[in-house]
Amino acid sequence: MSSQKTNKSYTKRLKLTRTGKILVRKAGRNHFNAKESRSKQLARARGRSITLSVKVKNLNLPHA
C-alpha cells in the first residue's frame, strides 16, 4: 500500500456524491458577475461532473 498523503487543497474542491460521481464547482463565479445574464449565472451555479483516472483519484480523494 502506498503511503502518500491526500492532496487536501484539491480534495476541498471536489464533492463525492452518494452514487460515486465527482462534482466540481464551475470557474468564473467570484467577481464581475453583474454584467452576466441571469441564465449564465444560474448555469454556473450547477456543479459539473468529472471523471478521474484511478491514479489521480487515489492521490486526491481520501481513502474510505
C-alpha atoms as a PDB file:
ATOM      1  CA  MET A   1       0.000   0.000   0.000  1.00  0.00           C
ATOM      2  CA  SER A   2       1.210   3.482  -0.875  1.00  0.00           C
ATOM      3  CA  SER A   3       1.902   5.906   1.965  1.00  0.00           C
ATOM      4  CA  GLN A   4       1.312   9.132   0.039  1.00  0.00           C
ATOM      5  CA  LYS A   5      -0.712  11.888   1.608  1.00  0.00           C
ATOM      6  CA  THR A   6      -4.027  13.039   0.181  1.00  0.00           C
ATOM      7  CA  ASN A   7      -3.837  16.368  -1.652  1.00  0.00           C
ATOM      8  CA  LYS A   8      -6.093  18.346   0.710  1.00  0.00           C
ATOM      9  CA  SER A   9      -6.266  21.555  -1.347  1.00  0.00           C
ATOM     10  CA  TYR A  10      -7.599  19.653  -4.351  1.00  0.00           C
ATOM     11  CA  THR A  11      -9.865  17.453  -2.253  1.00  0.00           C
ATOM     12  CA  LYS A  12     -11.686  20.500  -0.870  1.00  0.00           C
ATOM     13  CA  ARG A  13     -12.709  21.490  -4.414  1.00  0.00           C
ATOM     14  CA  LEU A  14     -14.410  18.152  -5.075  1.00  0.00           C
ATOM     15  CA  LYS A  15     -17.639  16.639  -3.821  1.00  0.00           C
ATOM     16  CA  LEU A  16     -18.273  12.925  -3.960  1.00  0.00           C
ATOM     17  CA  THR A  17     -21.941  12.030  -4.442  1.00  0.00           C
ATOM     18  CA  ARG A  18     -23.682   9.014  -2.965  1.00  0.00           C
ATOM     19  CA  THR A  19     -23.597   7.214  -6.327  1.00  0.00           C
ATOM     20  CA  GLY A  20     -19.845   7.832  -6.697  1.00  0.00           C
ATOM     21  CA  LYS A  21     -19.869  10.749  -9.133  1.00  0.00           C
ATOM     22  CA  ILE A  22     -17.342  13.538  -8.587  1.00  0.00           C
ATOM     23  CA  LEU A  23     -18.682  17.094  -8.780  1.00  0.00           C
ATOM     24  CA  VAL A  24     -16.618  20.260  -9.180  1.00  0.00           C
ATOM     25  CA  ARG A  25     -17.559  23.908  -8.996  1.00  0.00           C
ATOM     26  CA  LYS A  26     -17.527  25.772 -12.298  1.00  0.00           C
ATOM     27  CA  ALA A  27     -14.992  28.558 -12.729  1.00  0.00           C
ATOM     28  CA  GLY A  28     -15.754  32.258 -13.086  1.00  0.00           C
ATOM     29  CA  ARG A  29     -18.093  32.880 -10.162  1.00  0.00           C
ATOM     30  CA  ASN A  30     -16.050  35.055  -7.814  1.00  0.00           C
ATOM     31  CA  HIS A  31     -16.483  38.574  -9.183  1.00  0.00           C
ATOM     32  CA  PHE A  32     -17.529  40.600 -12.259  1.00  0.00           C
ATOM     33  CA  ASN A  33     -20.865  38.782 -12.377  1.00  0.00           C
ATOM     34  CA  ALA A  34     -23.122  41.843 -12.599  1.00  0.00           C
ATOM     35  CA  LYS A  35     -22.660  42.087 -16.368  1.00  0.00           C
ATOM     36  CA  GLU A  36     -23.523  38.415 -16.934  1.00  0.00           C
ATOM     37  CA  SER A  37     -27.042  37.426 -17.925  1.00  0.00           C
ATOM     38  CA  ARG A  38     -29.091  35.687 -15.260  1.00  0.00           C
ATOM     39  CA  SER A  39     -29.185  32.462 -17.275  1.00  0.00           C
ATOM     40  CA  LYS A  40     -25.372  32.359 -17.419  1.00  0.00           C
ATOM     41  CA  GLN A  41     -25.150  32.995 -13.688  1.00  0.00           C
ATOM     42  CA  LEU A  42     -27.550  30.160 -12.928  1.00  0.00           C
ATOM     43  CA  ALA A  43     -25.811  27.823 -15.366  1.00  0.00           C
ATOM     44  CA  ARG A  44     -22.558  28.314 -13.468  1.00  0.00           C
ATOM     45  CA  ALA A  45     -24.291  27.608 -10.162  1.00  0.00           C
ATOM     46  CA  ARG A  46     -24.801  23.968 -11.078  1.00  0.00           C
ATOM     47  CA  GLY A  47     -21.892  21.638 -10.468  1.00  0.00           C
ATOM     48  CA  ARG A  48     -20.049  19.841 -13.201  1.00  0.00           C
ATOM     49  CA  SER A  49     -19.413  16.097 -13.158  1.00  0.00           C
ATOM     50  CA  ILE A  50     -15.897  14.912 -13.969  1.00  0.00           C
ATOM     51  CA  THR A  51     -14.144  11.572 -14.294  1.00  0.00           C
ATOM     52  CA  LEU A  52     -10.720  10.945 -12.839  1.00  0.00           C
ATOM     53  CA  SER A  53      -8.290   8.157 -13.570  1.00  0.00           C
ATOM     54  CA  VAL A  54      -7.717   5.628 -10.803  1.00  0.00           C
ATOM     55  CA  LYS A  55      -4.239   7.018 -10.114  1.00  0.00           C
ATOM     56  CA  VAL A  56      -5.453  10.624  -9.795  1.00  0.00           C
ATOM     57  CA  LYS A  57      -8.451   9.506  -7.732  1.00  0.00           C
ATOM     58  CA  ASN A  58      -6.213   7.641  -5.283  1.00  0.00           C
ATOM     59  CA  LEU A  59      -3.902  10.635  -4.890  1.00  0.00           C
ATOM     60  CA  ASN A  60      -6.584  13.283  -4.470  1.00  0.00           C
ATOM     61  CA  LEU A  61      -9.513  11.688  -2.690  1.00  0.00           C
ATOM     62  CA  PRO A  62      -9.437  10.489   0.911  1.00  0.00           C
ATOM     63  CA  HIS A  63      -9.461   6.745   1.298  1.00  0.00           C
ATOM     64  CA  ALA A  64     -12.561   5.344   2.927  1.00  0.00           C
END
